[in-house]
């Protein structure tokens, strides 16, 4: 029979080690703050618009966009993700946000990706901005598939208050989902 104190200690050490690894993966932690985030946001939007032209129309219709230029996700049994980005309203940065995500289960590997959340209604944008920690759930509609293809707007995506584009994946971990991700306002 295993010692419960040792098991908790081992779990805590593992989680802290994973957090340190995730934070050290070039996601801007300890960097130049808002200037670095703004530069990455601009580059991410340029790449998204060039690669997925249908996102230009979404951006024009959206009440706001949360751009997360670089999210680092890693897992070995337990996993996590971290990234920082900016909320744009009328193409102007109004706030900065971090993303934190924890996962468990059969997993191994690491990846980095970018994503953009399009807030298609005033209510969705207001709820996001007023929340002390907004969590992405299954109600987020995706406009770029897992294969990186643009998805045509259908009834589900047109009616979804929040749409997501996940792209630019690099690494050795299969799949990127925003479910379980928590977004919190930060001061870079």
C-alpha atoms as a PDB file:
ATOM      1  CA  UNK A   1       0.000   0.000   0.000  1.00  0.00           C
ATOM      2  CA  UNK A   2       1.419   3.395  -0.940  1.00  0.00           C
ATOM      3  CA  UNK A   3       1.922   6.259   1.456  1.00  0.00           C
ATOM      4  CA  UNK A   4      -0.770   8.957   0.747  1.00  0.00           C
ATOM      5  CA  UNK A   5       1.590  11.762   1.803  1.00  0.00           C
ATOM      6  CA  UNK A   6       4.270  10.561  -0.609  1.00  0.00           C
ATOM      7  CA  UNK A   7       1.692  10.241  -3.396  1.00  0.00           C
ATOM      8  CA  UNK A   8       0.416  13.787  -2.862  1.00  0.00           C
ATOM      9  CA  UNK A   9       3.964  15.103  -2.663  1.00  0.00           C
ATOM     10  CA  UNK A  10       4.900  13.290  -5.867  1.00  0.00           C
ATOM     11  CA  UNK A  11       1.812  14.637  -7.594  1.00  0.00           C
ATOM     12  CA  UNK A  12       2.560  18.194  -6.411  1.00  0.00           C
ATOM     13  CA  UNK A  13       6.186  18.003  -7.557  1.00  0.00           C
ATOM     14  CA  UNK A  14       5.042  16.658 -10.940  1.00  0.00           C
ATOM     15  CA  UNK A  15       2.488  19.439 -11.422  1.00  0.00           C
ATOM     16  CA  UNK A  16       4.979  22.145 -10.401  1.00  0.00           C
ATOM     17  CA  UNK A  17       7.623  20.693 -12.736  1.00  0.00           C
ATOM     18  CA  UNK A  18       5.145  20.635 -15.624  1.00  0.00           C
ATOM     19  CA  UNK A  19       4.165  24.241 -14.867  1.00  0.00           C
ATOM     20  CA  UNK A  20       7.802  25.339 -14.919  1.00  0.00           C
ATOM     21  CA  UNK A  21       8.377  23.465 -18.199  1.00  0.00           C
ATOM     22  CA  UNK A  22       5.285  24.996 -19.800  1.00  0.00           C
ATOM     23  CA  UNK A  23       6.204  28.508 -18.674  1.00  0.00           C
ATOM     24  CA  UNK A  24       9.723  28.145 -20.074  1.00  0.00           C
ATOM     25  CA  UNK A  25       8.621  27.207 -23.599  1.00  0.00           C
ATOM     26  CA  UNK A  26       8.955  30.614 -25.239  1.00  0.00           C
ATOM     27  CA  UNK A  27       5.473  31.941 -24.571  1.00  0.00           C
ATOM     28  CA  UNK A  28       6.590  35.400 -23.488  1.00  0.00           C
ATOM     29  CA  UNK A  29       6.617  34.863 -19.728  1.00  0.00           C
ATOM     30  CA  UNK A  30       9.118  37.281 -18.252  1.00  0.00           C
ATOM     31  CA  UNK A  31       9.486  38.929 -21.651  1.00  0.00           C
ATOM     32  CA  UNK A  32       8.978  42.502 -22.777  1.00  0.00           C
ATOM     33  CA  UNK A  33       5.372  42.551 -21.627  1.00  0.00           C
ATOM     34  CA  UNK A  34       2.751  44.289 -23.706  1.00  0.00           C
ATOM     35  CA  UNK A  35       5.098  45.191 -26.582  1.00  0.00           C
ATOM     36  CA  UNK A  36       5.928  41.535 -27.211  1.00  0.00           C
ATOM     37  CA  UNK A  37       2.287  40.487 -26.950  1.00  0.00           C
ATOM     38  CA  UNK A  38       1.177  43.261 -29.335  1.00  0.00           C
ATOM     39  CA  UNK A  39       3.831  42.296 -31.906  1.00  0.00           C
ATOM     40  CA  UNK A  40       2.817  38.631 -31.723  1.00  0.00           C
ATOM     41  CA  UNK A  41      -0.878  39.502 -31.982  1.00  0.00           C
ATOM     42  CA  UNK A  42      -0.245  41.528 -35.155  1.00  0.00           C
ATOM     43  CA  UNK A  43       1.824  38.727 -36.710  1.00  0.00           C
ATOM     44  CA  UNK A  44      -0.788  36.109 -35.757  1.00  0.00           C
ATOM     45  CA  UNK A  45      -3.640  38.075 -37.316  1.00  0.00           C
ATOM     46  CA  UNK A  46      -1.646  38.642 -40.519  1.00  0.00           C
ATOM     47  CA  UNK A  47      -0.900  34.918 -40.783  1.00  0.00           C
ATOM     48  CA  UNK A  48      -4.506  33.929 -40.054  1.00  0.00           C
ATOM     49  CA  UNK A  49      -5.948  36.345 -42.622  1.00  0.00           C
ATOM     50  CA  UNK A  50      -3.433  35.203 -45.266  1.00  0.00           C
ATOM     51  CA  UNK A  51      -3.901  31.481 -44.628  1.00  0.00           C
ATOM     52  CA  UNK A  52      -7.653  31.481 -43.906  1.00  0.00           C
ATOM     53  CA  UNK A  53      -9.263  34.339 -45.861  1.00  0.00           C
ATOM     54  CA  UNK A  54     -12.772  33.584 -44.514  1.00  0.00           C
ATOM     55  CA  UNK A  55     -11.606  34.867 -41.114  1.00  0.00           C
ATOM     56  CA  UNK A  56     -11.382  38.427 -42.478  1.00  0.00           C
ATOM     57  CA  UNK A  57     -15.188  38.584 -42.733  1.00  0.00           C
ATOM     58  CA  UNK A  58     -15.557  37.086 -39.257  1.00  0.00           C
ATOM     59  CA  UNK A  59     -13.240  39.731 -37.831  1.00  0.00           C
ATOM     60  CA  UNK A  60     -15.262  42.489 -39.500  1.00  0.00           C
ATOM     61  CA  UNK A  61     -18.521  41.126 -38.024  1.00  0.00           C
ATOM     62  CA  UNK A  62     -17.129  40.359 -34.560  1.00  0.00           C
ATOM     63  CA  UNK A  63     -17.695  42.707 -31.622  1.00  0.00           C
ATOM     64  CA  UNK A  64     -14.264  41.760 -30.311  1.00  0.00           C
ATOM     65  CA  UNK A  65     -11.459  39.230 -30.762  1.00  0.00           C
ATOM     66  CA  UNK A  66      -9.193  37.575 -28.241  1.00  0.00           C
ATOM     67  CA  UNK A  67      -5.920  36.738 -29.978  1.00  0.00           C
ATOM     68  CA  UNK A  68      -3.665  34.177 -28.283  1.00  0.00           C
ATOM     69  CA  UNK A  69      -0.548  34.145 -30.493  1.00  0.00           C
ATOM     70  CA  UNK A  70       1.354  31.366 -28.752  1.00  0.00           C
ATOM     71  CA  UNK A  71      -0.072  28.700 -26.476  1.00  0.00           C
ATOM     72  CA  UNK A  72       2.326  26.034 -25.230  1.00  0.00           C
ATOM     73  CA  UNK A  73       0.728  22.751 -24.216  1.00  0.00           C
ATOM     74  CA  UNK A  74       2.557  19.744 -22.760  1.00  0.00           C
ATOM     75  CA  UNK A  75       1.530  16.546 -21.093  1.00  0.00           C
ATOM     76  CA  UNK A  76       2.817  13.304 -19.683  1.00  0.00           C
ATOM     77  CA  UNK A  77      -0.176  11.734 -17.977  1.00  0.00           C
ATOM     78  CA  UNK A  78      -1.152  15.094 -16.517  1.00  0.00           C
ATOM     79  CA  UNK A  79      -0.730  18.125 -18.701  1.00  0.00           C
ATOM     80  CA  UNK A  80      -1.222  21.806 -18.968  1.00  0.00           C
ATOM     81  CA  UNK A  81      -1.116  24.796 -21.259  1.00  0.00           C
ATOM     82  CA  UNK A  82      -0.242  28.453 -20.929  1.00  0.00           C
ATOM     83  CA  UNK A  83      -0.279  31.471 -23.203  1.00  0.00           C
ATOM     84  CA  UNK A  84      -0.812  35.221 -23.235  1.00  0.00           C
ATOM     85  CA  UNK A  85      -2.683  37.424 -25.667  1.00  0.00           C
ATOM     86  CA  UNK A  86      -4.748  40.541 -26.202  1.00  0.00           C
ATOM     87  CA  UNK A  87      -8.419  41.416 -26.499  1.00  0.00           C
ATOM     88  CA  UNK A  88      -9.105  43.676 -29.478  1.00  0.00           C
ATOM     89  CA  UNK A  89     -12.238  45.797 -29.862  1.00  0.00           C
ATOM     90  CA  UNK A  90     -12.460  47.864 -33.054  1.00  0.00           C
ATOM     91  CA  UNK A  91      -8.886  46.725 -33.891  1.00  0.00           C
ATOM     92  CA  UNK A  92      -7.562  48.319 -30.678  1.00  0.00           C
ATOM     93  CA  UNK A  93      -6.087  46.430 -27.730  1.00  0.00           C
ATOM     94  CA  UNK A  94      -8.292  46.971 -24.681  1.00  0.00           C
ATOM     95  CA  UNK A  95      -6.960  44.291 -22.291  1.00  0.00           C
ATOM     96  CA  UNK A  96      -4.377  41.523 -21.985  1.00  0.00           C
ATOM     97  CA  UNK A  97      -5.240  37.958 -20.991  1.00  0.00           C
ATOM     98  CA  UNK A  98      -3.573  34.719 -19.995  1.00  0.00           C
ATOM     99  CA  UNK A  99      -4.812  31.224 -20.755  1.00  0.00           C
ATOM    100  CA  UNK A 100      -4.306  28.349 -18.332  1.00  0.00           C
ATOM    101  CA  UNK A 101      -5.459  24.812 -18.953  1.00  0.00           C
ATOM    102  CA  UNK A 102      -5.022  21.550 -17.073  1.00  0.00           C
ATOM    103  CA  UNK A 103      -5.607  18.099 -18.521  1.00  0.00           C
ATOM    104  CA  UNK A 104      -5.445  14.524 -17.300  1.00  0.00           C
ATOM    105  CA  UNK A 105      -5.564  11.114 -18.887  1.00  0.00           C
ATOM    106  CA  UNK A 106      -3.577   9.202 -21.458  1.00  0.00           C
ATOM    107  CA  UNK A 107      -1.373  11.814 -23.117  1.00  0.00           C
ATOM    108  CA  UNK A 108       2.237  12.453 -23.983  1.00  0.00           C
ATOM    109  CA  UNK A 109       3.954  15.185 -25.942  1.00  0.00           C
ATOM    110  CA  UNK A 110       4.029  18.917 -26.432  1.00  0.00           C
ATOM    111  CA  UNK A 111       2.729  21.384 -28.981  1.00  0.00           C
ATOM    112  CA  UNK A 112       2.372  25.070 -29.631  1.00  0.00           C
ATOM    113  CA  UNK A 113      -0.479  26.739 -31.465  1.00  0.00           C
ATOM    114  CA  UNK A 114      -2.287  30.038 -31.889  1.00  0.00           C
ATOM    115  CA  UNK A 115      -5.973  30.725 -31.585  1.00  0.00           C
ATOM    116  CA  UNK A 116      -8.421  33.555 -31.970  1.00  0.00           C
ATOM    117  CA  UNK A 117     -11.811  33.807 -30.282  1.00  0.00           C
ATOM    118  CA  UNK A 118     -14.375  35.868 -32.193  1.00  0.00           C
ATOM    119  CA  UNK A 119     -17.072  37.350 -29.931  1.00  0.00           C
ATOM    120  CA  UNK A 120     -20.013  37.607 -32.297  1.00  0.00           C
ATOM    121  CA  UNK A 121     -22.491  39.268 -29.909  1.00  0.00           C
ATOM    122  CA  UNK A 122     -22.282  42.168 -27.488  1.00  0.00           C
ATOM    123  CA  UNK A 123     -23.509  39.852 -24.723  1.00  0.00           C
ATOM    124  CA  UNK A 124     -20.719  37.314 -25.327  1.00  0.00           C
ATOM    125  CA  UNK A 125     -18.079  40.061 -25.289  1.00  0.00           C
ATOM    126  CA  UNK A 126     -19.535  41.712 -22.172  1.00  0.00           C
ATOM    127  CA  UNK A 127     -19.773  38.371 -20.329  1.00  0.00           C
ATOM    128  CA  UNK A 128     -16.144  37.636 -21.203  1.00  0.00           C
ATOM    129  CA  UNK A 129     -14.894  41.046 -20.048  1.00  0.00           C
ATOM    130  CA  UNK A 130     -16.868  40.997 -16.785  1.00  0.00           C
ATOM    131  CA  UNK A 131     -15.828  37.487 -15.830  1.00  0.00           C
ATOM    132  CA  UNK A 132     -12.978  37.160 -13.320  1.00  0.00           C
ATOM    133  CA  UNK A 133     -11.966  33.944 -15.105  1.00  0.00           C
ATOM    134  CA  UNK A 134     -13.871  32.950 -18.242  1.00  0.00           C
ATOM    135  CA  UNK A 135     -13.772  29.246 -19.129  1.00  0.00           C
ATOM    136  CA  UNK A 136     -14.120  28.024 -22.701  1.00  0.00           C
ATOM    137  CA  UNK A 137     -16.656  25.232 -22.989  1.00  0.00           C
ATOM    138  CA  UNK A 138     -18.282  22.999 -25.547  1.00  0.00           C
ATOM    139  CA  UNK A 139     -20.444  25.926 -26.751  1.00  0.00           C
ATOM    140  CA  UNK A 140     -17.503  27.476 -28.629  1.00  0.00           C
ATOM    141  CA  UNK A 141     -17.947  26.974 -32.392  1.00  0.00           C
ATOM    142  CA  UNK A 142     -14.857  26.234 -34.505  1.00  0.00           C
ATOM    143  CA  UNK A 143     -14.259  27.846 -37.887  1.00  0.00           C
ATOM    144  CA  UNK A 144     -11.006  26.044 -38.700  1.00  0.00           C
ATOM    145  CA  UNK A 145     -11.032  22.248 -38.491  1.00  0.00           C
ATOM    146  CA  UNK A 146      -8.435  19.981 -36.866  1.00  0.00           C
ATOM    147  CA  UNK A 147      -6.908  19.461 -40.319  1.00  0.00           C
ATOM    148  CA  UNK A 148      -6.340  23.187 -40.673  1.00  0.00           C
ATOM    149  CA  UNK A 149      -9.029  23.607 -43.318  1.00  0.00           C
ATOM    150  CA  UNK A 150     -11.391  26.548 -43.270  1.00  0.00           C
ATOM    151  CA  UNK A 151     -14.912  25.521 -42.441  1.00  0.00           C
ATOM    152  CA  UNK A 152     -17.773  27.242 -44.229  1.00  0.00           C
ATOM    153  CA  UNK A 153     -20.204  29.045 -41.959  1.00  0.00           C
ATOM    154  CA  UNK A 154     -23.237  26.872 -41.318  1.00  0.00           C
ATOM    155  CA  UNK A 155     -26.268  27.259 -39.067  1.00  0.00           C
ATOM    156  CA  UNK A 156     -24.284  26.277 -35.966  1.00  0.00           C
ATOM    157  CA  UNK A 157     -21.401  28.677 -36.534  1.00  0.00           C
ATOM    158  CA  UNK A 158     -23.645  31.558 -37.568  1.00  0.00           C
ATOM    159  CA  UNK A 159     -25.642  31.278 -34.325  1.00  0.00           C
ATOM    160  CA  UNK A 160     -22.684  30.638 -31.980  1.00  0.00           C
ATOM    161  CA  UNK A 161     -21.908  33.662 -29.780  1.00  0.00           C
ATOM    162  CA  UNK A 162     -18.201  32.736 -29.677  1.00  0.00           C
ATOM    163  CA  UNK A 163     -16.271  31.277 -32.611  1.00  0.00           C
ATOM    164  CA  UNK A 164     -12.701  29.949 -32.476  1.00  0.00           C
ATOM    165  CA  UNK A 165      -9.925  29.553 -35.009  1.00  0.00           C
ATOM    166  CA  UNK A 166      -7.117  27.243 -33.836  1.00  0.00           C
ATOM    167  CA  UNK A 167      -4.139  27.126 -36.190  1.00  0.00           C
ATOM    168  CA  UNK A 168      -0.363  27.106 -36.586  1.00  0.00           C
ATOM    169  CA  UNK A 169       0.183  23.865 -34.688  1.00  0.00           C
ATOM    170  CA  UNK A 170       3.722  22.631 -34.170  1.00  0.00           C
ATOM    171  CA  UNK A 171       4.805  19.768 -31.978  1.00  0.00           C
ATOM    172  CA  UNK A 172       4.279  16.126 -31.191  1.00  0.00           C
ATOM    173  CA  UNK A 173       0.906  16.123 -29.447  1.00  0.00           C
ATOM    174  CA  UNK A 174      -2.323  15.223 -31.221  1.00  0.00           C
ATOM    175  CA  UNK A 175      -5.276  17.595 -31.113  1.00  0.00           C
ATOM    176  CA  UNK A 176      -5.867  21.037 -29.695  1.00  0.00           C
ATOM    177  CA  UNK A 177      -9.124  21.907 -28.019  1.00  0.00           C
ATOM    178  CA  UNK A 178     -10.066  24.976 -26.041  1.00  0.00           C
ATOM    179  CA  UNK A 179     -12.466  23.164 -23.723  1.00  0.00           C
ATOM    180  CA  UNK A 180     -11.350  23.573 -20.143  1.00  0.00           C
ATOM    181  CA  UNK A 181      -9.220  26.615 -20.918  1.00  0.00           C
ATOM    182  CA  UNK A 182      -9.526  29.490 -18.440  1.00  0.00           C
ATOM    183  CA  UNK A 183      -8.848  33.058 -19.522  1.00  0.00           C
ATOM    184  CA  UNK A 184      -7.936  35.726 -16.965  1.00  0.00           C
ATOM    185  CA  UNK A 185      -7.126  39.427 -17.342  1.00  0.00           C
ATOM    186  CA  UNK A 186      -3.466  40.241 -16.717  1.00  0.00           C
ATOM    187  CA  UNK A 187      -1.172  43.243 -16.554  1.00  0.00           C
ATOM    188  CA  UNK A 188       1.898  42.365 -18.656  1.00  0.00           C
END
